[in-house]
Amino acid sequence: MPPALMVPPAIILSLTAVAWYATIAHYRPWGWVVTGCLTLLCCFSLGQLLRWRQHREAMAKIVANPRVWLVDSLLIVLGLGFAALGLLVYAA
């Protein structure tokens, strides 16, 4: 497994730890939604890391598909929605 694969889970784990700290120490209404979403993302990220061989084969099939832009578009929309939720909860 390439060492570069350890970077994204480390980032997600760090962000999740900061979100849990913010939820416990600096409570904001609806902050638990952001923390829950980040915790779920962290679990998925660590799960993919543990099942790297199967994940790599599945992703190779998706990337080889000419309609991969649909997956990219969905991920962009989900990411923007999550960023908007974080700004709505913590920027207020």
C-alpha atoms as a PDB file:
ATOM      1  CA  MET A   1       0.000   0.000   0.000  1.00  0.00           C
ATOM      2  CA  PRO A   2       1.430   3.401  -0.937  1.00  0.00           C
ATOM      3  CA  PRO A   3       2.200   5.655   2.058  1.00  0.00           C
ATOM      4  CA  ALA A   4       0.272   8.494   0.393  1.00  0.00           C
ATOM      5  CA  LEU A   5      -2.933   6.582   1.123  1.00  0.00           C
ATOM      6  CA  MET A   6      -2.458   7.303   4.816  1.00  0.00           C
ATOM      7  CA  VAL A   7      -2.784  11.080   4.340  1.00  0.00           C
ATOM      8  CA  PRO A   8      -6.552  11.426   3.615  1.00  0.00           C
ATOM      9  CA  PRO A   9      -7.640   9.232   6.556  1.00  0.00           C
ATOM     10  CA  ALA A  10      -5.276  11.174   8.835  1.00  0.00           C
ATOM     11  CA  ILE A  11      -6.821  14.464   7.698  1.00  0.00           C
ATOM     12  CA  ILE A  12     -10.365  13.166   8.129  1.00  0.00           C
ATOM     13  CA  LEU A  13      -9.519  11.738  11.554  1.00  0.00           C
ATOM     14  CA  SER A  14      -8.023  15.082  12.622  1.00  0.00           C
ATOM     15  CA  LEU A  15     -11.063  17.013  11.398  1.00  0.00           C
ATOM     16  CA  THR A  16     -13.352  14.585  13.198  1.00  0.00           C
ATOM     17  CA  ALA A  17     -11.414  15.043  16.440  1.00  0.00           C
ATOM     18  CA  VAL A  18     -11.702  18.837  16.110  1.00  0.00           C
ATOM     19  CA  ALA A  19     -15.432  18.529  15.389  1.00  0.00           C
ATOM     20  CA  TRP A  20     -15.945  16.369  18.487  1.00  0.00           C
ATOM     21  CA  TYR A  21     -14.020  18.925  20.557  1.00  0.00           C
ATOM     22  CA  ALA A  22     -16.138  21.747  19.137  1.00  0.00           C
ATOM     23  CA  THR A  23     -19.347  19.823  19.799  1.00  0.00           C
ATOM     24  CA  ILE A  24     -18.437  19.076  23.412  1.00  0.00           C
ATOM     25  CA  ALA A  25     -16.571  22.239  24.453  1.00  0.00           C
ATOM     26  CA  HIS A  26     -18.230  24.900  22.273  1.00  0.00           C
ATOM     27  CA  TYR A  27     -21.754  23.648  21.802  1.00  0.00           C
ATOM     28  CA  ARG A  28     -23.691  25.027  18.841  1.00  0.00           C
ATOM     29  CA  PRO A  29     -27.215  24.045  17.916  1.00  0.00           C
ATOM     30  CA  TRP A  30     -27.070  21.514  15.091  1.00  0.00           C
ATOM     31  CA  GLY A  31     -23.327  21.061  15.588  1.00  0.00           C
ATOM     32  CA  TRP A  32     -23.948  17.400  16.310  1.00  0.00           C
ATOM     33  CA  VAL A  33     -25.090  16.993  12.688  1.00  0.00           C
ATOM     34  CA  VAL A  34     -21.691  18.148  11.423  1.00  0.00           C
ATOM     35  CA  THR A  35     -19.938  15.921  13.962  1.00  0.00           C
ATOM     36  CA  GLY A  36     -22.077  12.934  13.015  1.00  0.00           C
ATOM     37  CA  CYS A  37     -21.430  13.435   9.301  1.00  0.00           C
ATOM     38  CA  LEU A  38     -17.687  13.747   9.856  1.00  0.00           C
ATOM     39  CA  THR A  39     -17.684  10.676  12.095  1.00  0.00           C
ATOM     40  CA  LEU A  40     -19.494   8.707   9.398  1.00  0.00           C
ATOM     41  CA  LEU A  41     -17.034   9.942   6.760  1.00  0.00           C
ATOM     42  CA  CYS A  42     -14.123   8.995   9.017  1.00  0.00           C
ATOM     43  CA  CYS A  43     -15.515   5.477   9.497  1.00  0.00           C
ATOM     44  CA  PHE A  44     -15.940   5.084   5.724  1.00  0.00           C
ATOM     45  CA  SER A  45     -12.414   6.371   5.114  1.00  0.00           C
ATOM     46  CA  LEU A  46     -10.858   3.997   7.624  1.00  0.00           C
ATOM     47  CA  GLY A  47     -12.965   1.127   6.273  1.00  0.00           C
ATOM     48  CA  GLN A  48     -11.734   1.771   2.749  1.00  0.00           C
ATOM     49  CA  LEU A  49      -8.181   1.914   4.024  1.00  0.00           C
ATOM     50  CA  LEU A  50      -8.552  -1.455   5.733  1.00  0.00           C
ATOM     51  CA  ARG A  51     -10.095  -2.984   2.590  1.00  0.00           C
ATOM     52  CA  TRP A  52      -7.672  -1.252   0.222  1.00  0.00           C
ATOM     53  CA  ARG A  53      -7.262  -4.104  -2.272  1.00  0.00           C
ATOM     54  CA  GLN A  54     -11.001  -4.536  -2.847  1.00  0.00           C
ATOM     55  CA  HIS A  55     -11.526  -0.773  -2.895  1.00  0.00           C
ATOM     56  CA  ARG A  56      -8.775  -0.315  -5.488  1.00  0.00           C
ATOM     57  CA  GLU A  57     -10.368  -2.881  -7.812  1.00  0.00           C
ATOM     58  CA  ALA A  58     -13.825  -1.319  -7.437  1.00  0.00           C
ATOM     59  CA  MET A  59     -12.485   2.190  -8.096  1.00  0.00           C
ATOM     60  CA  ALA A  60     -10.622   0.982 -11.200  1.00  0.00           C
ATOM     61  CA  LYS A  61     -13.945  -0.210 -12.645  1.00  0.00           C
ATOM     62  CA  ILE A  62     -15.650   3.098 -11.841  1.00  0.00           C
ATOM     63  CA  VAL A  63     -12.854   5.220 -13.305  1.00  0.00           C
ATOM     64  CA  ALA A  64     -12.801   3.104 -16.482  1.00  0.00           C
ATOM     65  CA  ASN A  65     -16.486   3.897 -17.054  1.00  0.00           C
ATOM     66  CA  PRO A  66     -16.989   6.796 -19.513  1.00  0.00           C
ATOM     67  CA  ARG A  67     -19.730   8.201 -17.265  1.00  0.00           C
ATOM     68  CA  VAL A  68     -17.410   8.678 -14.293  1.00  0.00           C
ATOM     69  CA  TRP A  69     -18.284  12.384 -14.370  1.00  0.00           C
ATOM     70  CA  LEU A  70     -21.607  11.469 -12.695  1.00  0.00           C
ATOM     71  CA  VAL A  71     -19.749  10.145  -9.655  1.00  0.00           C
ATOM     72  CA  ASP A  72     -17.508  13.225  -9.645  1.00  0.00           C
ATOM     73  CA  SER A  73     -20.522  15.536  -9.857  1.00  0.00           C
ATOM     74  CA  LEU A  74     -22.280  13.730  -7.004  1.00  0.00           C
ATOM     75  CA  LEU A  75     -19.185  13.994  -4.812  1.00  0.00           C
ATOM     76  CA  ILE A  76     -18.849  17.715  -5.575  1.00  0.00           C
ATOM     77  CA  VAL A  77     -22.511  18.362  -4.695  1.00  0.00           C
ATOM     78  CA  LEU A  78     -22.211  16.355  -1.463  1.00  0.00           C
ATOM     79  CA  GLY A  79     -19.010  18.185  -0.529  1.00  0.00           C
ATOM     80  CA  LEU A  80     -20.530  21.612  -1.189  1.00  0.00           C
ATOM     81  CA  GLY A  81     -23.613  20.669   0.813  1.00  0.00           C
ATOM     82  CA  PHE A  82     -21.474  19.532   3.720  1.00  0.00           C
ATOM     83  CA  ALA A  83     -19.356  22.699   3.560  1.00  0.00           C
ATOM     84  CA  ALA A  84     -22.539  24.811   3.531  1.00  0.00           C
ATOM     85  CA  LEU A  85     -23.822  22.911   6.587  1.00  0.00           C
ATOM     86  CA  GLY A  86     -20.547  23.543   8.417  1.00  0.00           C
ATOM     87  CA  LEU A  87     -20.633  27.250   7.572  1.00  0.00           C
ATOM     88  CA  LEU A  88     -24.274  27.523   8.579  1.00  0.00           C
ATOM     89  CA  VAL A  89     -23.639  25.882  11.957  1.00  0.00           C
ATOM     90  CA  TYR A  90     -20.248  27.299  12.919  1.00  0.00           C
ATOM     91  CA  ALA A  91     -20.094  30.693  11.176  1.00  0.00           C
ATOM     92  CA  ALA A  92     -23.213  32.025  12.859  1.00  0.00           C
END
